[in-house]
PDB file of N, CA and C in Angstrom:
ATOM      1  N   UNK A   1      14.555  -9.430  -3.635  1.00  0.00           N
ATOM      2  CA  UNK A   1      13.964 -10.773  -3.942  1.00  0.00           C
ATOM      3  C   UNK A   1      12.414 -10.271  -4.700  1.00  0.00           C
ATOM      4  N   UNK A   2      12.024 -10.701  -5.598  1.00  0.00           N
ATOM      5  CA  UNK A   2      10.555 -10.200  -6.261  1.00  0.00           C
ATOM      6  C   UNK A   2       9.342 -10.539  -5.849  1.00  0.00           C
ATOM      7  N   UNK A   3       8.250  -9.811  -6.084  1.00  0.00           N
ATOM      8  CA  UNK A   3       7.232 -10.479  -5.222  1.00  0.00           C
ATOM      9  C   UNK A   3       6.410 -11.328  -6.302  1.00  0.00           C
ATOM     10  N   UNK A   4       5.697 -12.180  -5.572  1.00  0.00           N
ATOM     11  CA  UNK A   4       4.738 -13.477  -6.416  1.00  0.00           C
ATOM     12  C   UNK A   4       3.625 -12.842  -6.660  1.00  0.00           C
ATOM     13  N   UNK A   5       3.378 -13.340  -7.875  1.00  0.00           N
ATOM     14  CA  UNK A   5       1.802 -12.948  -8.508  1.00  0.00           C
ATOM     15  C   UNK A   5       0.625 -13.382  -7.210  1.00  0.00           C
ATOM     16  N   UNK A   6       1.307 -14.618  -6.907  1.00  0.00           N
ATOM     17  CA  UNK A   6       0.064 -15.185  -5.882  1.00  0.00           C
ATOM     18  C   UNK A   6      -0.051 -14.301  -4.545  1.00  0.00           C
ATOM     19  N   UNK A   7       0.830 -13.926  -4.023  1.00  0.00           N
ATOM     20  CA  UNK A   7       1.080 -12.963  -2.907  1.00  0.00           C
ATOM     21  C   UNK A   7      -0.033 -11.599  -3.440  1.00  0.00           C
ATOM     22  N   UNK A   8       0.371 -11.129  -4.489  1.00  0.00           N
ATOM     23  CA  UNK A   8      -0.370  -9.752  -5.218  1.00  0.00           C
ATOM     24  C   UNK A   8      -1.925 -10.421  -5.312  1.00  0.00           C
ATOM     25  N   UNK A   9      -2.291 -11.473  -5.546  1.00  0.00           N
ATOM     26  CA  UNK A   9      -3.521 -11.985  -5.738  1.00  0.00           C
ATOM     27  C   UNK A   9      -4.069 -11.988  -4.400  1.00  0.00           C
ATOM     28  N   UNK A  10      -3.484 -12.575  -3.373  1.00  0.00           N
ATOM     29  CA  UNK A  10      -4.003 -12.471  -2.011  1.00  0.00           C
ATOM     30  C   UNK A  10      -4.432 -11.047  -1.377  1.00  0.00           C
ATOM     31  N   UNK A  11      -3.418 -10.247  -1.461  1.00  0.00           N
ATOM     32  CA  UNK A  11      -3.770  -8.933  -0.985  1.00  0.00           C
ATOM     33  C   UNK A  11      -4.916  -8.338  -1.809  1.00  0.00           C
ATOM     34  N   UNK A  12      -4.878  -8.528  -3.165  1.00  0.00           N
ATOM     35  CA  UNK A  12      -6.086  -7.732  -3.813  1.00  0.00           C
ATOM     36  C   UNK A  12      -7.357  -8.443  -3.168  1.00  0.00           C
ATOM     37  N   UNK A  13      -7.617  -9.833  -2.960  1.00  0.00           N
ATOM     38  CA  UNK A  13      -8.766 -10.576  -2.312  1.00  0.00           C
ATOM     39  C   UNK A  13      -8.997 -10.073  -0.932  1.00  0.00           C
ATOM     40  N   UNK A  14      -7.796  -9.987  -0.139  1.00  0.00           N
ATOM     41  CA  UNK A  14      -8.247  -9.220   1.045  1.00  0.00           C
ATOM     42  C   UNK A  14      -8.716  -8.079   1.077  1.00  0.00           C
ATOM     43  N   UNK A  15      -8.422  -7.342   0.098  1.00  0.00           N
ATOM     44  CA  UNK A  15      -8.949  -5.799   0.099  1.00  0.00           C
ATOM     45  C   UNK A  15     -10.408  -5.715  -0.789  1.00  0.00           C
ATOM     46  N   UNK A  16     -10.872  -6.812  -1.219  1.00  0.00           N
ATOM     47  CA  UNK A  16     -12.076  -6.676  -1.875  1.00  0.00           C
ATOM     48  C   UNK A  16     -13.427  -6.307  -0.998  1.00  0.00           C
ATOM     49  N   UNK A  17     -14.165  -5.797  -1.252  1.00  0.00           N
ATOM     50  CA  UNK A  17     -14.821  -5.308  -2.676  1.00  0.00           C
ATOM     51  C   UNK A  17     -13.985  -4.051  -3.402  1.00  0.00           C
ATOM     52  N   UNK A  18     -13.017  -3.431  -2.539  1.00  0.00           N
ATOM     53  CA  UNK A  18     -12.640  -2.447  -2.917  1.00  0.00           C
ATOM     54  C   UNK A  18     -11.613  -2.783  -4.485  1.00  0.00           C
ATOM     55  N   UNK A  19     -11.614  -1.771  -5.118  1.00  0.00           N
ATOM     56  CA  UNK A  19     -11.528  -1.869  -6.847  1.00  0.00           C
ATOM     57  C   UNK A  19     -10.214  -1.440  -6.779  1.00  0.00           C
ATOM     58  N   UNK A  20      -9.303  -2.133  -6.550  1.00  0.00           N
ATOM     59  CA  UNK A  20      -7.546  -2.067  -6.384  1.00  0.00           C
ATOM     60  C   UNK A  20      -7.168  -2.493  -7.736  1.00  0.00           C
ATOM     61  N   UNK A  21      -6.225  -1.619  -8.143  1.00  0.00           N
ATOM     62  CA  UNK A  21      -5.643  -1.902  -9.347  1.00  0.00           C
ATOM     63  C   UNK A  21      -3.955  -1.868  -9.080  1.00  0.00           C
ATOM     64  N   UNK A  22      -3.528  -2.955  -9.870  1.00  0.00           N
ATOM     65  CA  UNK A  22      -1.921  -2.827  -9.716  1.00  0.00           C
ATOM     66  C   UNK A  22      -1.093  -2.942 -10.991  1.00  0.00           C
ATOM     67  N   UNK A  23      -0.250  -2.195 -10.732  1.00  0.00           N
ATOM     68  CA  UNK A  23       0.872  -2.112 -11.984  1.00  0.00           C
ATOM     69  C   UNK A  23       2.267  -2.459 -11.669  1.00  0.00           C
ATOM     70  N   UNK A  24       2.737  -3.248 -12.227  1.00  0.00           N
ATOM     71  CA  UNK A  24       4.081  -4.048 -12.179  1.00  0.00           C
ATOM     72  C   UNK A  24       5.152  -3.146 -12.350  1.00  0.00           C
ATOM     73  N   UNK A  25       6.316  -3.067 -11.718  1.00  0.00           N
ATOM     74  CA  UNK A  25       7.323  -2.391 -11.620  1.00  0.00           C
ATOM     75  C   UNK A  25       8.577  -2.881 -10.922  1.00  0.00           C
ATOM     76  N   UNK A  26       9.498  -3.281 -11.913  1.00  0.00           N
ATOM     77  CA  UNK A  26      10.798  -3.937 -11.465  1.00  0.00           C
ATOM     78  C   UNK A  26      10.652  -5.024 -10.499  1.00  0.00           C
ATOM     79  N   UNK A  27       9.895  -5.798 -10.887  1.00  0.00           N
ATOM     80  CA  UNK A  27       9.363  -7.103 -10.067  1.00  0.00           C
ATOM     81  C   UNK A  27       8.612  -7.170  -8.927  1.00  0.00           C
ATOM     82  N   UNK A  28       8.150  -5.657  -8.671  1.00  0.00           N
ATOM     83  CA  UNK A  28       7.191  -5.570  -7.619  1.00  0.00           C
ATOM     84  C   UNK A  28       5.656  -4.997  -8.145  1.00  0.00           C
ATOM     85  N   UNK A  29       4.876  -4.634  -7.085  1.00  0.00           N
ATOM     86  CA  UNK A  29       3.620  -4.060  -7.739  1.00  0.00           C
ATOM     87  C   UNK A  29       3.394  -2.910  -6.957  1.00  0.00           C
ATOM     88  N   UNK A  30       3.097  -1.908  -7.616  1.00  0.00           N
ATOM     89  CA  UNK A  30       2.339  -0.591  -7.137  1.00  0.00           C
ATOM     90  C   UNK A  30       0.774  -0.666  -7.291  1.00  0.00           C
ATOM     91  N   UNK A  31       0.240  -0.155  -6.065  1.00  0.00           N
ATOM     92  CA  UNK A  31      -1.400  -0.402  -5.681  1.00  0.00           C
ATOM     93  C   UNK A  31      -1.845   0.843  -5.533  1.00  0.00           C
ATOM     94  N   UNK A  32      -3.034   0.920  -6.414  1.00  0.00           N
ATOM     95  CA  UNK A  32      -3.833   2.229  -6.614  1.00  0.00           C
ATOM     96  C   UNK A  32      -5.343   1.932  -6.034  1.00  0.00           C
ATOM     97  N   UNK A  33      -5.999   2.870  -5.726  1.00  0.00           N
ATOM     98  CA  UNK A  33      -7.632   2.674  -5.333  1.00  0.00           C
ATOM     99  C   UNK A  33      -7.957   4.132  -5.755  1.00  0.00           C
ATOM    100  N   UNK A  34      -8.948   4.182  -6.457  1.00  0.00           N
ATOM    101  CA  UNK A  34      -9.515   5.487  -7.320  1.00  0.00           C
ATOM    102  C   UNK A  34      -8.510   6.203  -7.731  1.00  0.00           C
ATOM    103  N   UNK A  35      -7.324   5.515  -8.525  1.00  0.00           N
ATOM    104  CA  UNK A  35      -6.514   6.116  -9.360  1.00  0.00           C
ATOM    105  C   UNK A  35      -5.422   6.847  -8.393  1.00  0.00           C
ATOM    106  N   UNK A  36      -5.236   6.693  -7.055  1.00  0.00           N
ATOM    107  CA  UNK A  36      -4.432   7.228  -6.078  1.00  0.00           C
ATOM    108  C   UNK A  36      -3.678   6.042  -5.649  1.00  0.00           C
ATOM    109  N   UNK A  37      -2.306   6.106  -5.940  1.00  0.00           N
ATOM    110  CA  UNK A  37      -1.257   5.320  -5.553  1.00  0.00           C
ATOM    111  C   UNK A  37      -1.191   5.522  -3.950  1.00  0.00           C
ATOM    112  N   UNK A  38      -1.528   4.326  -3.181  1.00  0.00           N
ATOM    113  CA  UNK A  38      -1.154   4.315  -1.915  1.00  0.00           C
ATOM    114  C   UNK A  38      -0.276   3.359  -1.261  1.00  0.00           C
ATOM    115  N   UNK A  39       0.650   2.532  -2.179  1.00  0.00           N
ATOM    116  CA  UNK A  39       1.563   1.493  -1.383  1.00  0.00           C
ATOM    117  C   UNK A  39       1.986   0.535  -2.907  1.00  0.00           C
ATOM    118  N   UNK A  40       2.124  -0.614  -2.124  1.00  0.00           N
ATOM    119  CA  UNK A  40       2.510  -1.598  -3.049  1.00  0.00           C
ATOM    120  C   UNK A  40       3.025  -3.011  -2.260  1.00  0.00           C
ATOM    121  N   UNK A  41       3.433  -3.779  -3.161  1.00  0.00           N
ATOM    122  CA  UNK A  41       3.639  -5.109  -2.681  1.00  0.00           C
ATOM    123  C   UNK A  41       5.315  -5.148  -3.155  1.00  0.00           C
ATOM    124  N   UNK A  42       6.045  -5.208  -2.082  1.00  0.00           N
ATOM    125  CA  UNK A  42       7.458  -5.255  -1.800  1.00  0.00           C
ATOM    126  C   UNK A  42       7.987  -6.415  -1.491  1.00  0.00           C
ATOM    127  N   UNK A  43       8.491  -7.474  -1.969  1.00  0.00           N
ATOM    128  CA  UNK A  43       9.091  -8.768  -1.503  1.00  0.00           C
ATOM    129  C   UNK A  43       8.142  -9.428  -0.668  1.00  0.00           C
ATOM    130  N   UNK A  44       6.840  -9.601  -1.285  1.00  0.00           N
ATOM    131  CA  UNK A  44       5.900 -10.111  -0.675  1.00  0.00           C
ATOM    132  C   UNK A  44       5.561  -9.736   0.657  1.00  0.00           C
ATOM    133  N   UNK A  45       5.276  -8.467   0.934  1.00  0.00           N
ATOM    134  CA  UNK A  45       4.846  -7.371   2.039  1.00  0.00           C
ATOM    135  C   UNK A  45       4.053  -6.420   1.402  1.00  0.00           C
ATOM    136  N   UNK A  46       2.974  -6.258   2.162  1.00  0.00           N
ATOM    137  CA  UNK A  46       2.079  -5.120   1.618  1.00  0.00           C
ATOM    138  C   UNK A  46       2.574  -3.767   2.719  1.00  0.00           C
ATOM    139  N   UNK A  47       2.866  -2.820   1.800  1.00  0.00           N
ATOM    140  CA  UNK A  47       3.614  -1.470   2.233  1.00  0.00           C
ATOM    141  C   UNK A  47       2.627  -0.401   1.903  1.00  0.00           C
ATOM    142  N   UNK A  48       2.269   0.373   2.794  1.00  0.00           N
ATOM    143  CA  UNK A  48       1.395   1.735   2.668  1.00  0.00           C
ATOM    144  C   UNK A  48       2.252   3.072   2.722  1.00  0.00           C
ATOM    145  N   UNK A  49       1.854   3.955   2.298  1.00  0.00           N
ATOM    146  CA  UNK A  49       2.452   5.465   2.603  1.00  0.00           C
ATOM    147  C   UNK A  49       2.083   6.002   3.935  1.00  0.00           C
ATOM    148  N   UNK A  50       3.191   6.510   4.359  1.00  0.00           N
ATOM    149  CA  UNK A  50       3.150   6.947   5.982  1.00  0.00           C
ATOM    150  C   UNK A  50       2.322   8.092   6.305  1.00  0.00           C
ATOM    151  N   UNK A  51       0.920   8.233   5.746  1.00  0.00           N
ATOM    152  CA  UNK A  51       0.149   9.372   5.807  1.00  0.00           C
ATOM    153  C   UNK A  51      -0.278   9.403   7.784  1.00  0.00           C
ATOM    154  N   UNK A  52      -0.690  10.575   7.950  1.00  0.00           N
ATOM    155  CA  UNK A  52      -1.002  10.922   9.387  1.00  0.00           C
ATOM    156  C   UNK A  52      -2.093   9.603  10.023  1.00  0.00           C
ATOM    157  N   UNK A  53      -3.016   9.295   9.316  1.00  0.00           N
ATOM    158  CA  UNK A  53      -4.177   8.249   9.442  1.00  0.00           C
ATOM    159  C   UNK A  53      -3.399   6.964   9.776  1.00  0.00           C
ATOM    160  N   UNK A  54      -2.429   6.598   8.783  1.00  0.00           N
ATOM    161  CA  UNK A  54      -1.691   5.386   8.853  1.00  0.00           C
ATOM    162  C   UNK A  54      -0.948   5.072  10.092  1.00  0.00           C
ATOM    163  N   UNK A  55      -0.252   6.239  10.673  1.00  0.00           N
ATOM    164  CA  UNK A  55       0.248   6.510  11.692  1.00  0.00           C
ATOM    165  C   UNK A  55      -0.529   5.732  13.141  1.00  0.00           C
ATOM    166  N   UNK A  56      -1.872   6.213  12.873  1.00  0.00           N
ATOM    167  CA  UNK A  56      -2.669   5.658  14.105  1.00  0.00           C
ATOM    168  C   UNK A  56      -2.690   4.411  14.235  1.00  0.00           C
ATOM    169  N   UNK A  57      -2.482   3.631  13.033  1.00  0.00           N
ATOM    170  CA  UNK A  57      -2.592   2.486  13.383  1.00  0.00           C
ATOM    171  C   UNK A  57      -1.302   1.334  13.928  1.00  0.00           C
ATOM    172  N   UNK A  58      -0.094   2.173  14.257  1.00  0.00           N
ATOM    173  CA  UNK A  58       0.732   1.796  14.805  1.00  0.00           C
ATOM    174  C   UNK A  58       1.580   0.534  14.133  1.00  0.00           C
ATOM    175  N   UNK A  59       1.894   0.757  12.807  1.00  0.00           N
ATOM    176  CA  UNK A  59       2.421  -0.029  11.899  1.00  0.00           C
ATOM    177  C   UNK A  59       3.982   0.324  12.097  1.00  0.00           C
ATOM    178  N   UNK A  60       4.717  -0.692  11.786  1.00  0.00           N
ATOM    179  CA  UNK A  60       6.234  -0.772  11.934  1.00  0.00           C
ATOM    180  C   UNK A  60       6.666   0.130  10.553  1.00  0.00           C
ATOM    181  N   UNK A  61       7.595   0.715  10.591  1.00  0.00           N
ATOM    182  CA  UNK A  61       8.226   1.533   9.186  1.00  0.00           C
ATOM    183  C   UNK A  61       9.226   0.234   8.605  1.00  0.00           C
ATOM    184  N   UNK A  62       9.285   0.395   7.425  1.00  0.00           N
ATOM    185  CA  UNK A  62      10.210  -0.776   6.454  1.00  0.00           C
ATOM    186  C   UNK A  62      10.435   0.091   5.457  1.00  0.00           C
ATOM    187  N   UNK A  63      11.610  -0.330   4.435  1.00  0.00           N
ATOM    188  CA  UNK A  63      12.031   0.123   3.516  1.00  0.00           C
ATOM    189  C   UNK A  63      11.448  -0.915   2.284  1.00  0.00           C
ATOM    190  N   UNK A  64      10.506  -0.168   1.358  1.00  0.00           N
ATOM    191  CA  UNK A  64      10.337  -1.029   0.263  1.00  0.00           C
ATOM    192  C   UNK A  64      11.569  -1.703  -0.506  1.00  0.00           C
ATOM    193  N   UNK A  65      12.506  -0.991  -0.755  1.00  0.00           N
ATOM    194  CA  UNK A  65      14.010  -1.169  -1.378  1.00  0.00           C
ATOM    195  C   UNK A  65      14.769  -0.402  -1.088  1.00  0.00           C
ATOM    196  N   UNK A  66      16.165  -0.757  -1.089  1.00  0.00           N
ATOM    197  CA  UNK A  66      17.315   0.104  -0.730  1.00  0.00           C
ATOM    198  C   UNK A  66      17.159   1.396  -1.597  1.00  0.00           C
ATOM    199  N   UNK A  67      17.396   2.297  -0.501  1.00  0.00           N
ATOM    200  CA  UNK A  67      17.541   3.875  -1.351  1.00  0.00           C
ATOM    201  C   UNK A  67      16.023   4.434  -1.135  1.00  0.00           C
ATOM    202  N   UNK A  68      14.741   3.695  -0.652  1.00  0.00           N
ATOM    203  CA  UNK A  68      13.418   4.349  -1.064  1.00  0.00           C
ATOM    204  C   UNK A  68      13.386   4.921   0.409  1.00  0.00           C
ATOM    205  N   UNK A  69      12.268   5.712   0.429  1.00  0.00           N
ATOM    206  CA  UNK A  69      11.538   6.308   1.463  1.00  0.00           C
ATOM    207  C   UNK A  69      10.847   5.154   2.424  1.00  0.00           C
ATOM    208  N   UNK A  70      11.057   5.441   3.654  1.00  0.00           N
ATOM    209  CA  UNK A  70      10.324   4.460   4.899  1.00  0.00           C
ATOM    210  C   UNK A  70       8.678   4.327   4.266  1.00  0.00           C
ATOM    211  N   UNK A  71       8.020   3.282   4.424  1.00  0.00           N
ATOM    212  CA  UNK A  71       6.532   3.010   4.526  1.00  0.00           C
ATOM    213  C   UNK A  71       6.247   2.097   5.604  1.00  0.00           C
ATOM    214  N   UNK A  72       4.863   1.870   5.548  1.00  0.00           N
ATOM    215  CA  UNK A  72       4.260   1.291   6.899  1.00  0.00           C
ATOM    216  C   UNK A  72       4.238  -0.051   6.306  1.00  0.00           C
ATOM    217  N   UNK A  73       4.375  -0.742   7.097  1.00  0.00           N
ATOM    218  CA  UNK A  73       4.212  -2.596   6.871  1.00  0.00           C
ATOM    219  C   UNK A  73       2.954  -2.887   7.310  1.00  0.00           C
ATOM    220  N   UNK A  74       2.054  -3.230   6.647  1.00  0.00           N
ATOM    221  CA  UNK A  74       0.677  -4.082   7.177  1.00  0.00           C
ATOM    222  C   UNK A  74       0.665  -5.407   7.675  1.00  0.00           C
ATOM    223  N   UNK A  75       1.054  -5.781   8.973  1.00  0.00           N
ATOM    224  CA  UNK A  75       1.288  -6.903   9.154  1.00  0.00           C
ATOM    225  C   UNK A  75       0.036  -7.738   9.502  1.00  0.00           C
ATOM    226  N   UNK A  76      -1.346  -6.968   9.211  1.00  0.00           N
ATOM    227  CA  UNK A  76      -2.408  -7.509   9.872  1.00  0.00           C
ATOM    228  C   UNK A  76      -3.201  -7.772   8.596  1.00  0.00           C
ATOM    229  N   UNK A  77      -2.491  -8.219   7.632  1.00  0.00           N
ATOM    230  CA  UNK A  77      -3.048  -8.653   6.263  1.00  0.00           C
ATOM    231  C   UNK A  77      -4.280  -9.552   6.331  1.00  0.00           C
ATOM    232  N   UNK A  78      -3.895 -10.550   7.208  1.00  0.00           N
ATOM    233  CA  UNK A  78      -5.007 -11.511   7.406  1.00  0.00           C
ATOM    234  C   UNK A  78      -6.526 -11.176   7.978  1.00  0.00           C
ATOM    235  N   UNK A  79      -6.402  -9.965   8.697  1.00  0.00           N
ATOM    236  CA  UNK A  79      -7.391  -9.098   9.156  1.00  0.00           C
ATOM    237  C   UNK A  79      -8.125  -8.454   7.968  1.00  0.00           C
ATOM    238  N   UNK A  80      -8.853  -9.021   7.312  1.00  0.00           N
ATOM    239  CA  UNK A  80      -9.368  -8.502   5.900  1.00  0.00           C
ATOM    240  C   UNK A  80     -10.235  -7.018   6.377  1.00  0.00           C
ATOM    241  N   UNK A  81     -10.751  -6.867   7.405  1.00  0.00           N
ATOM    242  CA  UNK A  81     -11.334  -5.468   7.840  1.00  0.00           C
ATOM    243  C   UNK A  81     -10.507  -4.536   8.060  1.00  0.00           C
ATOM    244  N   UNK A  82      -9.567  -4.838   8.915  1.00  0.00           N
ATOM    245  CA  UNK A  82      -8.549  -3.943   9.432  1.00  0.00           C
ATOM    246  C   UNK A  82      -7.612  -3.645   8.165  1.00  0.00           C
ATOM    247  N   UNK A  83      -7.508  -4.606   7.460  1.00  0.00           N
ATOM    248  CA  UNK A  83      -6.438  -3.949   6.052  1.00  0.00           C
ATOM    249  C   UNK A  83      -7.258  -2.878   5.369  1.00  0.00           C
ATOM    250  N   UNK A  84      -8.432  -3.467   4.845  1.00  0.00           N
ATOM    251  CA  UNK A  84      -9.220  -2.374   4.025  1.00  0.00           C
ATOM    252  C   UNK A  84      -9.464  -0.952   4.910  1.00  0.00           C
ATOM    253  N   UNK A  85      -9.378  -0.827   6.214  1.00  0.00           N
ATOM    254  CA  UNK A  85      -9.500   0.128   6.973  1.00  0.00           C
ATOM    255  C   UNK A  85      -8.230   1.031   6.774  1.00  0.00           C
ATOM    256  N   UNK A  86      -7.282   0.384   6.744  1.00  0.00           N
ATOM    257  CA  UNK A  86      -6.062   1.192   6.578  1.00  0.00           C
ATOM    258  C   UNK A  86      -5.629   1.677   5.260  1.00  0.00           C
ATOM    259  N   UNK A  87      -6.375   0.889   4.071  1.00  0.00           N
ATOM    260  CA  UNK A  87      -6.023   1.723   2.813  1.00  0.00           C
ATOM    261  C   UNK A  87      -6.912   2.562   2.654  1.00  0.00           C
ATOM    262  N   UNK A  88      -8.191   2.466   3.036  1.00  0.00           N
ATOM    263  CA  UNK A  88      -9.091   3.528   2.996  1.00  0.00           C
ATOM    264  C   UNK A  88      -8.501   5.037   3.696  1.00  0.00           C
ATOM    265  N   UNK A  89      -8.179   4.688   4.739  1.00  0.00           N
ATOM    266  CA  UNK A  89      -7.623   5.853   5.494  1.00  0.00           C
ATOM    267  C   UNK A  89      -6.430   6.606   4.900  1.00  0.00           C
ATOM    268  N   UNK A  90      -5.486   5.745   4.462  1.00  0.00           N
ATOM    269  CA  UNK A  90      -4.556   6.278   3.735  1.00  0.00           C
ATOM    270  C   UNK A  90      -4.965   7.007   2.410  1.00  0.00           C
ATOM    271  N   UNK A  91      -5.645   6.429   1.616  1.00  0.00           N
ATOM    272  CA  UNK A  91      -5.892   7.095   0.365  1.00  0.00           C
ATOM    273  C   UNK A  91      -6.699   8.215   0.568  1.00  0.00           C
ATOM    274  N   UNK A  92      -7.531   8.396   1.744  1.00  0.00           N
ATOM    275  CA  UNK A  92      -8.448   9.522   2.212  1.00  0.00           C
ATOM    276  C   UNK A  92      -7.259  10.648   2.353  1.00  0.00           C
ATOM    277  N   UNK A  93      -6.591  10.285   3.044  1.00  0.00           N
ATOM    278  CA  UNK A  93      -5.565  11.394   3.424  1.00  0.00           C
ATOM    279  C   UNK A  93      -4.571  11.979   2.239  1.00  0.00           C
ATOM    280  N   UNK A  94      -4.340  10.947   1.240  1.00  0.00           N
ATOM    281  CA  UNK A  94      -3.660  11.309  -0.208  1.00  0.00           C
ATOM    282  C   UNK A  94      -4.665  12.117  -0.946  1.00  0.00           C
ATOM    283  N   UNK A  95      -6.003  12.043  -0.806  1.00  0.00           N
ATOM    284  CA  UNK A  95      -6.535  12.624  -1.459  1.00  0.00           C
ATOM    285  C   UNK A  95      -7.052  14.257  -1.177  1.00  0.00           C
ATOM    286  N   UNK A  96      -6.379  14.320   0.266  1.00  0.00           N
ATOM    287  CA  UNK A  96      -6.772  15.572   0.603  1.00  0.00           C
ATOM    288  C   UNK A  96      -5.295  16.258   0.812  1.00  0.00           C
ATOM    289  N   UNK A  97      -4.216  15.760   0.622  1.00  0.00           N
ATOM    290  CA  UNK A  97      -3.012  16.367   0.411  1.00  0.00           C
ATOM    291  C   UNK A  97      -2.804  17.102  -1.043  1.00  0.00           C
ATOM    292  N   UNK A  98      -2.090  18.114  -0.634  1.00  0.00           N
ATOM    293  CA  UNK A  98      -2.051  19.169  -2.109  1.00  0.00           C
ATOM    294  C   UNK A  98      -1.286  18.246  -2.995  1.00  0.00           C
ATOM    295  N   UNK A  99      -1.526  18.545  -4.679  1.00  0.00           N
ATOM    296  CA  UNK A  99      -0.814  17.807  -5.344  1.00  0.00           C
ATOM    297  C   UNK A  99       0.635  18.331  -5.471  1.00  0.00           C
ATOM    298  N   UNK A 100       1.394  17.674  -5.758  1.00  0.00           N
ATOM    299  CA  UNK A 100       3.129  18.096  -6.239  1.00  0.00           C
ATOM    300  C   UNK A 100       3.096  18.667  -7.651  1.00  0.00           C
ATOM    301  N   UNK A 101       3.671  19.830  -7.899  1.00  0.00           N
ATOM    302  CA  UNK A 101       4.102  19.782  -9.052  1.00  0.00           C
ATOM    303  C   UNK A 101       4.862  19.211 -10.108  1.00  0.00           C
ATOM    304  N   UNK A 102       4.517  18.896 -11.118  1.00  0.00           N
ATOM    305  CA  UNK A 102       5.582  18.058 -12.273  1.00  0.00           C
ATOM    306  C   UNK A 102       6.586  19.089 -12.440  1.00  0.00           C
ATOM    307  N   UNK A 103       7.688  18.488 -12.607  1.00  0.00           N
ATOM    308  CA  UNK A 103       8.886  19.031 -12.618  1.00  0.00           C
ATOM    309  C   UNK A 103       9.063  19.098 -14.260  1.00  0.00           C
TER     310      UNK A 103
END
């Protein structure tokens, strides 16, 4: 199932005033903050990368699509402040992690 542009807009509104950018990919949307890929909208669900900080929020793991690595499902999307806290924590962790070498 593809994600709707309406749900993407809802997610971006919930994360304002953070400067979130979205890139479409195969009927889904990859989300970035400060140029850092932190998650996406998959099947009208906000999923974030499973960092150490994300684990502290006690979110459920879900697959964005068949064959993908698990991510955390942000089920508190209606709680604007909590959702922003989750995204900021994930991005901070990702900024600290060592960069992977390109092949």
